[in-house]
Amino acid sequence: MNIPQTKYPRVVIIGGGFAGVNLVKSLANKDLQVVLIDKHNYHTFQPLLYQVSSSGLEPDSIAYPLRKVIKKHKNSFFRFAEVKHIDASKNEISTSIGNLNYDYLVIATGTKTNFFGNQAIQNNSMPMKSIPQALNIRSLILQNFEKAAIANSEDVRQTYLNFVIVGGGPTGVELAGAIAELKNNILPKDYKDLNSSDMQIHLLEGADRLLPPMSEHASKKAQLFLKELGVHVHTNVIVKNYDGKLVTTNTDLTLYTETLIWAAGVTGAPILGLKADSLIEKANRYKVNRFNQIAGYDNIFAVGDIASMSTEEFPKGHPQVAQPAIQQGKLLGENLIKIIKKQSPKPFVYNDKGSMATIGRNKAVVDLKHYKFGGFFAWFVWMFIHLMSLVGFRNRVIVFFNWTYNYINFDKAARLIIRPFKK
């Protein structure tokens, strides 16, 4: 892989998500050699992917070059590669560009879309876990508008204007609200030959309420906001099949659509090579102790969504959201330095700062420890937190001006079919 030899311990980090980036930053300019490996050359701010897919933001405003993260780190390196296998007996990883030895290995590979073994849904639906996938959804939505405008029959037009989103968690709720704003604010202006009332948005959730990880208050508010935007919410509905045209469920509900967006769950993205009992098979997450060490290994760690740390408060592991990943990445950086210096590491304790979801303009829900609220103030808090959490000053400025423009003009300026999507 052509990494310079060093007298310092080598820390190899696989994955440039929230956990990996914060770990790299915490190890900056220490007496270590740090090698960050990712199959993309950028960090993605995943909470705003839905805005790329709904034409609210361009992808470069939520992505940040990984080489730029480490450009001032004197002994840090980035390699654009995919890790294929770990050989713990040799302290070596195999990648798409060669092999590399490590002294300490950190797996921060995050998650991938979980289709629960349904191949038909996997083949025909649209996932949204990466920027290319978000751009595919954006293109498909806009292409369907164009096809609806020239459709020869009402039935064909309706399939292009029906949008089905599966999964009522934050991603599904936020995307449903964003597409509803396209219907209410963009379709009447851009497509005068289409009747916006013909466009239908269906949000399907298998549980008995939206936003299951959040409070009852947040669920009820979110459902009310979506109803106001014209979204049809279906709870206790599980999708059984989708053949590219017809959605069938566990109920009498069937829907004809050209667009089914799958936001119904994620599963871990482990790497081949470690002991089978180090992995929780059902969740595909590595079992780690309070110091993020993977079970059975002293020098291999996992952080973020791929790590399952069982505690009294979180017996099934921490929630797979940004905050646990950020906090684990920062602490592991401190602990690695302590371990190298033969000092006692500090156990991880999750500081739950709350959760939030936005449903659209002036509509959001926020759950804090002692406060639960929704509406304009929650929307403002959501915007501020996400703006400040973006990596890079440039990205914050671009997103701020985009949001300001969109708010004043009721517009989504990034509705461009740059790369047509083909099913």
Protein backbone atom coordinates (compact mmCIF):
# COMPACT_ATOMS: atom_id res chain seq x y z
CA MET A 1 0.00 0.00 0.00
CA ASN A 2 3.08 2.20 0.06
CA ILE A 3 2.79 3.73 3.53
CA PRO A 4 6.13 5.05 4.90
CA GLN A 5 7.86 2.97 7.55
CA THR A 6 7.77 4.56 10.98
CA LYS A 7 9.24 4.23 14.47
CA TYR A 8 5.83 5.10 15.93
CA PRO A 9 2.92 2.69 16.54
CA ARG A 10 0.66 2.51 13.48
CA VAL A 11 -3.09 3.02 13.99
CA VAL A 12 -5.20 1.97 11.01
CA ILE A 13 -8.76 3.31 10.90
CA ILE A 14 -11.27 1.79 8.48
CA GLY A 15 -14.08 4.22 7.71
CA GLY A 16 -14.37 7.99 7.43
CA GLY A 17 -17.80 8.47 8.99
CA PHE A 18 -18.56 10.36 12.20
CA ALA A 19 -16.62 7.92 14.38
CA GLY A 20 -13.60 7.63 12.09
CA VAL A 21 -13.24 11.38 11.46
CA ASN A 22 -13.49 12.27 15.15
CA LEU A 23 -10.97 9.54 16.01
CA VAL A 24 -8.53 10.87 13.41
CA LYS A 25 -8.88 14.40 14.78
CA SER A 26 -8.26 13.23 18.35
CA LEU A 27 -5.01 11.51 17.25
CA ALA A 28 -3.69 14.49 15.31
CA ASN A 29 0.05 15.21 15.64
CA LYS A 30 0.63 12.67 18.40
CA ASP A 31 3.55 10.21 18.44
CA LEU A 32 1.62 7.83 16.19
CA GLN A 33 1.29 7.03 12.53
CA VAL A 34 -2.39 7.18 11.55
CA VAL A 35 -3.72 5.62 8.34
CA LEU A 36 -7.35 6.34 7.42
CA ILE A 37 -8.91 4.07 4.77
CA ASP A 38 -12.28 4.57 3.09
CA LYS A 39 -13.94 3.48 -0.17
CA HIS A 40 -14.96 7.12 -0.69
CA ASN A 41 -12.57 10.06 -0.55
CA TYR A 42 -15.04 12.17 1.41
CA HIS A 43 -16.97 12.23 4.67
CA THR A 44 -20.77 12.29 4.23
CA PHE A 45 -23.02 14.19 6.62
CA GLN A 46 -25.72 11.54 6.46
CA PRO A 47 -28.46 13.40 8.40
CA LEU A 48 -28.88 15.72 5.39
CA LEU A 49 -28.84 13.09 2.64
CA TYR A 50 -32.61 13.41 2.32
CA GLN A 51 -32.16 17.07 1.30
CA VAL A 52 -29.90 16.04 -1.57
CA SER A 53 -32.45 13.46 -2.73
CA SER A 54 -35.28 16.02 -2.59
CA SER A 55 -33.36 18.77 -4.47
CA GLY A 56 -32.82 21.00 -1.43
CA LEU A 57 -29.01 20.78 -1.39
CA GLU A 58 -26.22 19.88 -3.78
CA PRO A 59 -24.05 16.92 -2.65
CA ASP A 60 -20.86 18.94 -2.23
CA SER A 61 -22.49 20.91 0.62
CA ILE A 62 -22.82 17.80 2.81
CA ALA A 63 -19.54 16.11 1.82
CA TYR A 64 -16.02 16.94 2.98
CA PRO A 65 -12.73 15.63 1.52
CA LEU A 66 -11.04 13.21 3.91
CA ARG A 67 -7.58 14.35 2.84
CA LYS A 68 -8.57 17.86 3.91
CA VAL A 69 -9.41 16.51 7.39
CA ILE A 70 -5.80 15.35 7.86
CA LYS A 71 -3.92 17.93 5.80
CA LYS A 72 -2.34 19.54 8.90
CA HIS A 73 -1.61 16.21 10.60
CA LYS A 74 2.11 15.62 10.17
CA ASN A 75 2.04 11.81 10.41
CA SER A 76 -1.42 10.93 9.07
CA PHE A 77 -2.20 9.35 5.71
CA PHE A 78 -5.35 8.62 3.71
CA ARG A 79 -5.84 5.74 1.29
CA PHE A 80 -8.76 5.45 -1.13
CA ALA A 81 -9.48 1.73 -0.92
CA GLU A 82 -11.88 -0.97 0.18
CA VAL A 83 -10.80 -3.32 2.97
CA LYS A 84 -11.49 -6.95 2.07
CA HIS A 85 -10.11 -9.04 4.96
CA ILE A 86 -8.48 -8.85 8.38
CA ASP A 87 -5.78 -11.32 9.42
CA ALA A 88 -5.53 -10.77 13.17
CA SER A 89 -2.78 -13.41 13.56
CA LYS A 90 -0.48 -11.30 11.34
CA ASN A 91 -1.85 -7.88 12.37
CA GLU A 92 -2.55 -7.29 8.69
CA ILE A 93 -5.43 -6.12 6.50
CA SER A 94 -6.00 -6.89 2.82
CA THR A 95 -7.40 -4.09 0.68
CA SER A 96 -8.19 -3.39 -2.96
CA ILE A 97 -4.78 -1.67 -3.29
CA GLY A 98 -2.61 -4.05 -1.28
CA ASN A 99 -1.88 -5.24 2.26
CA LEU A 100 -0.97 -3.21 5.32
CA ASN A 101 0.27 -4.12 8.80
CA TYR A 102 -1.05 -2.40 11.90
CA ASP A 103 -0.26 -2.12 15.58
CA TYR A 104 -3.80 -1.02 16.40
CA LEU A 105 -6.83 -1.46 14.16
CA VAL A 106 -10.10 0.46 14.46
CA ILE A 107 -13.18 -0.59 12.50
CA ALA A 108 -15.60 2.27 11.88
CA THR A 109 -17.41 0.96 8.81
CA GLY A 110 -20.91 1.95 9.96
CA THR A 111 -24.00 0.37 8.46
CA LYS A 112 -25.61 -0.51 5.17
CA THR A 113 -29.26 -0.78 4.12
CA ASN A 114 -31.08 -3.80 5.54
CA PHE A 115 -33.53 -5.41 3.11
CA PHE A 116 -34.23 -8.29 5.53
CA GLY A 117 -33.40 -10.88 2.89
CA ASN A 118 -36.07 -9.72 0.41
CA GLN A 119 -34.29 -9.86 -2.95
CA ALA A 120 -37.18 -8.39 -4.96
CA ILE A 121 -37.30 -5.28 -2.78
CA GLN A 122 -33.51 -4.99 -2.90
CA ASN A 123 -33.54 -5.16 -6.70
CA ASN A 124 -36.40 -2.73 -7.30
CA SER A 125 -36.41 -0.19 -4.48
CA MET A 126 -34.27 2.89 -3.88
CA PRO A 127 -32.03 2.90 -0.78
CA MET A 128 -30.57 6.14 0.62
CA LYS A 129 -27.34 5.50 2.52
CA SER A 130 -24.85 7.34 0.32
CA ILE A 131 -24.54 10.44 -1.86
CA PRO A 132 -24.71 8.47 -5.15
CA GLN A 133 -27.92 6.82 -3.92
CA ALA A 134 -29.40 10.19 -2.90
CA LEU A 135 -28.59 11.55 -6.36
CA ASN A 136 -30.28 8.52 -7.91
CA ILE A 137 -33.44 9.30 -5.94
CA ARG A 138 -33.30 12.97 -6.97
CA SER A 139 -32.98 12.03 -10.63
CA LEU A 140 -35.75 9.43 -10.43
CA ILE A 141 -38.19 11.85 -8.78
CA LEU A 142 -37.57 14.53 -11.43
CA GLN A 143 -37.61 12.00 -14.29
CA ASN A 144 -40.96 10.71 -13.04
CA PHE A 145 -42.35 14.25 -13.10
CA GLU A 146 -41.21 14.56 -16.71
CA LYS A 147 -42.71 11.17 -17.66
CA ALA A 148 -45.98 12.03 -15.92
CA ALA A 149 -46.22 15.21 -18.01
CA ILE A 150 -46.23 13.18 -21.26
CA ALA A 151 -48.12 10.08 -20.03
CA ASN A 152 -50.85 8.84 -22.40
CA SER A 153 -53.25 7.63 -19.71
CA GLU A 154 -54.35 8.59 -16.21
CA ASP A 155 -53.30 5.22 -14.77
CA VAL A 156 -49.74 5.52 -16.14
CA ARG A 157 -49.51 9.13 -14.96
CA GLN A 158 -50.58 8.08 -11.47
CA THR A 159 -47.85 5.46 -11.12
CA TYR A 160 -45.26 8.15 -11.87
CA LEU A 161 -46.83 10.52 -9.32
CA ASN A 162 -47.20 7.93 -6.54
CA PHE A 163 -44.27 7.95 -4.11
CA VAL A 164 -43.97 5.25 -1.47
CA ILE A 165 -41.51 5.55 1.42
CA VAL A 166 -41.01 2.51 3.65
CA GLY A 167 -39.84 3.20 7.19
CA GLY A 168 -41.24 5.74 9.62
CA GLY A 169 -38.01 6.54 11.44
CA PRO A 170 -36.30 9.94 11.16
CA THR A 171 -35.06 9.28 7.60
CA GLY A 172 -38.47 8.25 6.28
CA VAL A 173 -40.32 11.04 8.08
CA GLU A 174 -37.89 13.73 6.92
CA LEU A 175 -37.90 12.48 3.33
CA ALA A 176 -41.71 12.28 3.23
CA GLY A 177 -41.95 15.87 4.42
CA ALA A 178 -39.36 17.05 1.87
CA ILE A 179 -41.13 15.33 -1.06
CA ALA A 180 -44.44 16.79 0.14
CA GLU A 181 -42.88 20.25 -0.12
CA LEU A 182 -41.88 19.44 -3.71
CA LYS A 183 -45.53 18.60 -4.36
CA ASN A 184 -46.89 21.72 -2.67
CA ASN A 185 -44.34 24.33 -3.78
CA ILE A 186 -42.53 23.12 -6.89
CA LEU A 187 -44.92 20.95 -8.92
CA PRO A 188 -47.59 23.70 -9.40
CA LYS A 189 -44.95 26.16 -10.67
CA ASP A 190 -42.73 23.91 -12.81
CA TYR A 191 -45.34 21.52 -14.16
CA LYS A 192 -48.44 23.58 -14.97
CA ASP A 193 -49.81 20.74 -17.12
CA LEU A 194 -49.92 18.41 -14.08
CA ASN A 195 -52.45 18.50 -11.27
CA SER A 196 -50.48 18.51 -8.01
CA SER A 197 -53.42 16.87 -6.22
CA ASP A 198 -52.71 13.76 -8.32
CA MET A 199 -49.34 13.35 -6.62
CA GLN A 200 -49.64 10.97 -3.67
CA ILE A 201 -47.04 10.35 -0.97
CA HIS A 202 -47.41 7.24 1.19
CA LEU A 203 -45.30 6.61 4.29
CA LEU A 204 -45.43 3.01 5.55
CA GLU A 205 -44.29 2.00 9.05
CA GLY A 206 -44.36 -1.49 10.53
CA ALA A 207 -44.74 -0.29 14.14
CA ASP A 208 -47.89 1.24 15.60
CA ARG A 209 -46.49 4.79 15.43
CA LEU A 210 -43.96 6.94 13.60
CA LEU A 211 -40.50 7.64 15.05
CA PRO A 212 -40.49 4.57 17.34
CA PRO A 213 -37.18 5.52 19.06
CA MET A 214 -38.58 8.92 20.03
CA SER A 215 -41.34 9.92 22.46
CA GLU A 216 -45.09 9.51 21.96
CA HIS A 217 -45.28 13.30 21.84
CA ALA A 218 -42.83 13.43 18.92
CA SER A 219 -44.68 10.63 17.09
CA LYS A 220 -48.06 12.34 17.35
CA LYS A 221 -46.65 15.72 16.34
CA ALA A 222 -44.79 14.23 13.36
CA GLN A 223 -47.92 12.44 12.14
CA LEU A 224 -49.96 15.63 12.49
CA PHE A 225 -47.38 17.67 10.57
CA LEU A 226 -47.21 15.08 7.77
CA LYS A 227 -51.00 15.02 7.52
CA GLU A 228 -51.00 18.81 7.16
CA LEU A 229 -48.52 18.45 4.29
CA GLY A 230 -50.76 15.89 2.58
CA VAL A 231 -48.76 12.71 3.31
CA HIS A 232 -50.72 9.47 3.77
CA VAL A 233 -49.32 7.71 6.86
CA HIS A 234 -49.88 3.96 7.25
CA THR A 235 -48.80 2.33 10.53
CA ASN A 236 -48.74 -1.41 11.35
CA VAL A 237 -48.02 -2.00 7.66
CA ILE A 238 -45.14 -4.22 6.53
CA VAL A 239 -44.12 -4.36 2.87
CA LYS A 240 -43.99 -7.93 1.61
CA ASN A 241 -43.01 -7.42 -2.02
CA TYR A 242 -42.28 -4.84 -4.70
CA ASP A 243 -41.80 -5.87 -8.33
CA GLY A 244 -40.99 -2.42 -9.67
CA LYS A 245 -44.66 -1.52 -10.17
CA LEU A 246 -46.82 -3.02 -7.42
CA VAL A 247 -46.30 -2.79 -3.64
CA THR A 248 -47.96 -5.54 -1.60
CA THR A 249 -48.18 -5.50 2.20
CA ASN A 250 -49.33 -7.59 5.16
CA THR A 251 -52.70 -5.80 4.93
CA ASP A 252 -55.19 -5.15 2.14
CA LEU A 253 -53.18 -2.09 1.13
CA THR A 254 -51.61 -2.33 -2.33
CA LEU A 255 -50.02 0.57 -4.19
CA TYR A 256 -48.93 1.06 -7.78
CA THR A 257 -45.78 3.15 -8.01
CA GLU A 258 -42.63 3.67 -10.04
CA THR A 259 -40.81 4.87 -6.91
CA LEU A 260 -40.38 2.95 -3.67
CA ILE A 261 -37.76 4.41 -1.32
CA TRP A 262 -36.52 1.95 1.31
CA ALA A 263 -35.70 3.50 4.69
CA ALA A 264 -36.86 0.60 6.82
CA GLY A 265 -33.66 -0.26 8.63
CA VAL A 266 -29.92 -0.78 8.58
CA THR A 267 -27.51 -3.55 9.43
CA GLY A 268 -23.82 -3.45 10.30
CA ALA A 269 -21.12 -3.58 7.63
CA PRO A 270 -18.49 -5.91 9.15
CA ILE A 271 -15.25 -7.06 7.50
CA LEU A 272 -14.32 -10.69 6.94
CA GLY A 273 -11.63 -12.32 9.06
CA LEU A 274 -12.42 -11.92 12.74
CA LYS A 275 -13.73 -14.70 14.98
CA ALA A 276 -17.39 -15.55 14.46
CA ASP A 277 -18.19 -15.06 18.15
CA SER A 278 -16.92 -11.46 18.02
CA LEU A 279 -19.94 -10.53 15.91
CA ILE A 280 -23.60 -10.31 16.89
CA GLU A 281 -24.98 -12.11 13.86
CA LYS A 282 -28.51 -10.69 13.83
CA ALA A 283 -27.37 -7.06 13.94
CA ASN A 284 -23.99 -7.56 12.21
CA ARG A 285 -22.33 -5.49 14.95
CA TYR A 286 -19.08 -6.26 16.76
CA LYS A 287 -19.32 -6.99 20.48
CA VAL A 288 -17.13 -4.47 22.27
CA ASN A 289 -16.30 -3.74 25.91
CA ARG A 290 -16.50 -0.32 27.58
CA PHE A 291 -13.19 0.62 25.92
CA ASN A 292 -14.44 -0.31 22.42
CA GLN A 293 -12.17 -3.38 22.22
CA ILE A 294 -13.70 -6.14 20.12
CA ALA A 295 -14.36 -9.34 22.07
CA GLY A 296 -11.33 -11.64 21.86
CA TYR A 297 -8.84 -8.99 20.73
CA ASP A 298 -6.56 -6.57 22.57
CA ASN A 299 -5.52 -4.36 19.67
CA ILE A 300 -8.65 -4.33 17.47
CA PHE A 301 -11.44 -1.86 18.23
CA ALA A 302 -14.83 -0.94 16.78
CA VAL A 303 -16.58 2.41 17.11
CA GLY A 304 -19.87 3.93 16.00
CA ASP A 305 -22.75 2.06 14.38
CA ILE A 306 -20.71 -1.12 13.82
CA ALA A 307 -20.00 -1.45 17.57
CA SER A 308 -22.42 -2.97 20.06
CA MET A 309 -21.53 -2.01 23.62
CA SER A 310 -23.96 -3.58 26.07
CA THR A 311 -24.62 -1.44 29.15
CA GLU A 312 -27.34 -1.36 31.78
CA GLU A 313 -29.05 1.54 30.03
CA PHE A 314 -28.45 0.17 26.51
CA PRO A 315 -28.42 -3.66 26.76
CA LYS A 316 -28.63 -4.02 22.95
CA GLY A 317 -25.97 -1.41 22.26
CA HIS A 318 -26.16 2.33 21.72
CA PRO A 319 -28.49 3.81 19.09
CA GLN A 320 -27.03 3.89 15.59
CA VAL A 321 -26.98 7.66 15.26
CA ALA A 322 -24.27 10.31 15.03
CA GLN A 323 -23.77 11.23 18.69
CA PRO A 324 -22.60 7.82 20.04
CA ALA A 325 -20.22 7.55 17.06
CA ILE A 326 -18.78 11.03 17.63
CA GLN A 327 -18.34 10.47 21.37
CA GLN A 328 -16.80 7.00 20.95
CA GLY A 329 -14.39 8.27 18.29
CA LYS A 330 -13.17 11.11 20.50
CA LEU A 331 -12.75 8.94 23.61
CA LEU A 332 -11.02 6.09 21.78
CA GLY A 333 -8.42 8.58 20.54
CA GLU A 334 -7.63 9.53 24.15
CA ASN A 335 -7.67 5.88 25.23
CA LEU A 336 -5.32 4.69 22.50
CA ILE A 337 -2.73 7.19 23.67
CA LYS A 338 -3.21 5.98 27.25
CA ILE A 339 -2.93 2.32 26.21
CA ILE A 340 0.31 3.01 24.31
CA LYS A 341 1.68 4.79 27.40
CA LYS A 342 0.64 1.82 29.59
CA GLN A 343 -1.98 3.90 31.37
CA SER A 344 -5.52 2.85 32.28
CA PRO A 345 -8.11 3.77 29.62
CA LYS A 346 -11.36 5.50 30.49
CA PRO A 347 -14.61 3.55 30.06
CA PHE A 348 -17.16 4.98 27.62
CA VAL A 349 -20.31 6.59 29.04
CA TYR A 350 -22.82 7.85 26.50
CA ASN A 351 -24.07 11.39 26.99
CA ASP A 352 -27.51 11.32 25.37
CA LYS A 353 -28.08 14.83 24.07
CA GLY A 354 -31.57 14.02 22.76
CA SER A 355 -33.00 13.33 19.33
CA MET A 356 -34.81 15.33 16.70
CA ALA A 357 -36.44 15.13 13.29
CA THR A 358 -37.69 17.76 10.86
CA ILE A 359 -40.85 17.30 8.83
CA GLY A 360 -40.71 20.44 6.70
CA ARG A 361 -40.79 24.20 6.76
CA ASN A 362 -41.39 25.40 10.36
CA LYS A 363 -42.15 21.81 11.40
CA ALA A 364 -39.87 19.64 13.54
CA VAL A 365 -39.90 17.60 16.75
CA VAL A 366 -37.22 17.59 19.46
CA ASP A 367 -36.82 15.20 22.40
CA LEU A 368 -34.48 16.35 25.16
CA LYS A 369 -34.12 14.73 28.57
CA HIS A 370 -36.61 16.97 30.31
CA TYR A 371 -38.20 18.83 27.39
CA LYS A 372 -40.23 17.68 24.41
CA PHE A 373 -41.49 20.18 21.89
CA GLY A 374 -42.44 20.63 18.25
CA GLY A 375 -43.19 23.33 15.69
CA PHE A 376 -41.22 26.41 14.65
CA PHE A 377 -38.86 26.56 17.63
CA ALA A 378 -38.02 22.85 17.26
CA TRP A 379 -37.38 23.46 13.56
CA PHE A 380 -35.05 26.36 14.38
CA VAL A 381 -33.16 24.22 16.93
CA TRP A 382 -32.90 21.38 14.38
CA MET A 383 -31.46 23.75 11.77
CA PHE A 384 -28.94 25.30 14.15
CA ILE A 385 -27.67 21.95 15.48
CA HIS A 386 -27.29 20.45 11.99
CA LEU A 387 -25.64 23.57 10.62
CA MET A 388 -23.05 23.62 13.40
CA SER A 389 -22.44 19.87 13.08
CA LEU A 390 -21.42 20.02 9.41
CA VAL A 391 -17.72 19.41 8.76
CA GLY A 392 -16.05 22.47 7.25
CA PHE A 393 -16.78 26.21 7.37
CA ARG A 394 -17.50 26.32 3.62
CA ASN A 395 -20.22 23.69 3.93
CA ARG A 396 -21.88 25.59 6.79
CA VAL A 397 -21.94 28.79 4.74
CA ILE A 398 -23.32 27.06 1.61
CA VAL A 399 -26.03 25.21 3.52
CA PHE A 400 -27.01 28.36 5.43
CA PHE A 401 -27.45 30.38 2.22
CA ASN A 402 -29.31 27.51 0.53
CA TRP A 403 -31.71 27.18 3.44
CA THR A 404 -32.23 30.96 3.55
CA TYR A 405 -32.92 31.10 -0.19
CA ASN A 406 -35.27 28.11 -0.03
CA TYR A 407 -37.13 29.57 2.94
CA ILE A 408 -37.67 32.99 1.37
CA ASN A 409 -38.61 31.70 -2.09
CA PHE A 410 -40.39 28.41 -1.22
CA ASP A 411 -37.91 26.88 -3.65
CA LYS A 412 -35.57 23.90 -4.03
CA ALA A 413 -32.93 25.11 -6.43
CA ALA A 414 -31.02 21.83 -6.98
CA ARG A 415 -33.69 20.10 -9.08
CA LEU A 416 -31.29 19.02 -11.82
CA ILE A 417 -31.13 15.68 -13.63
CA ILE A 418 -27.34 15.67 -13.94
CA ARG A 419 -27.00 11.93 -14.13
CA PRO A 420 -30.21 10.25 -15.41
CA PHE A 421 -31.17 7.19 -13.38
CA LYS A 422 -31.98 3.95 -15.20
CA LYS A 423 -33.89 1.24 -13.41
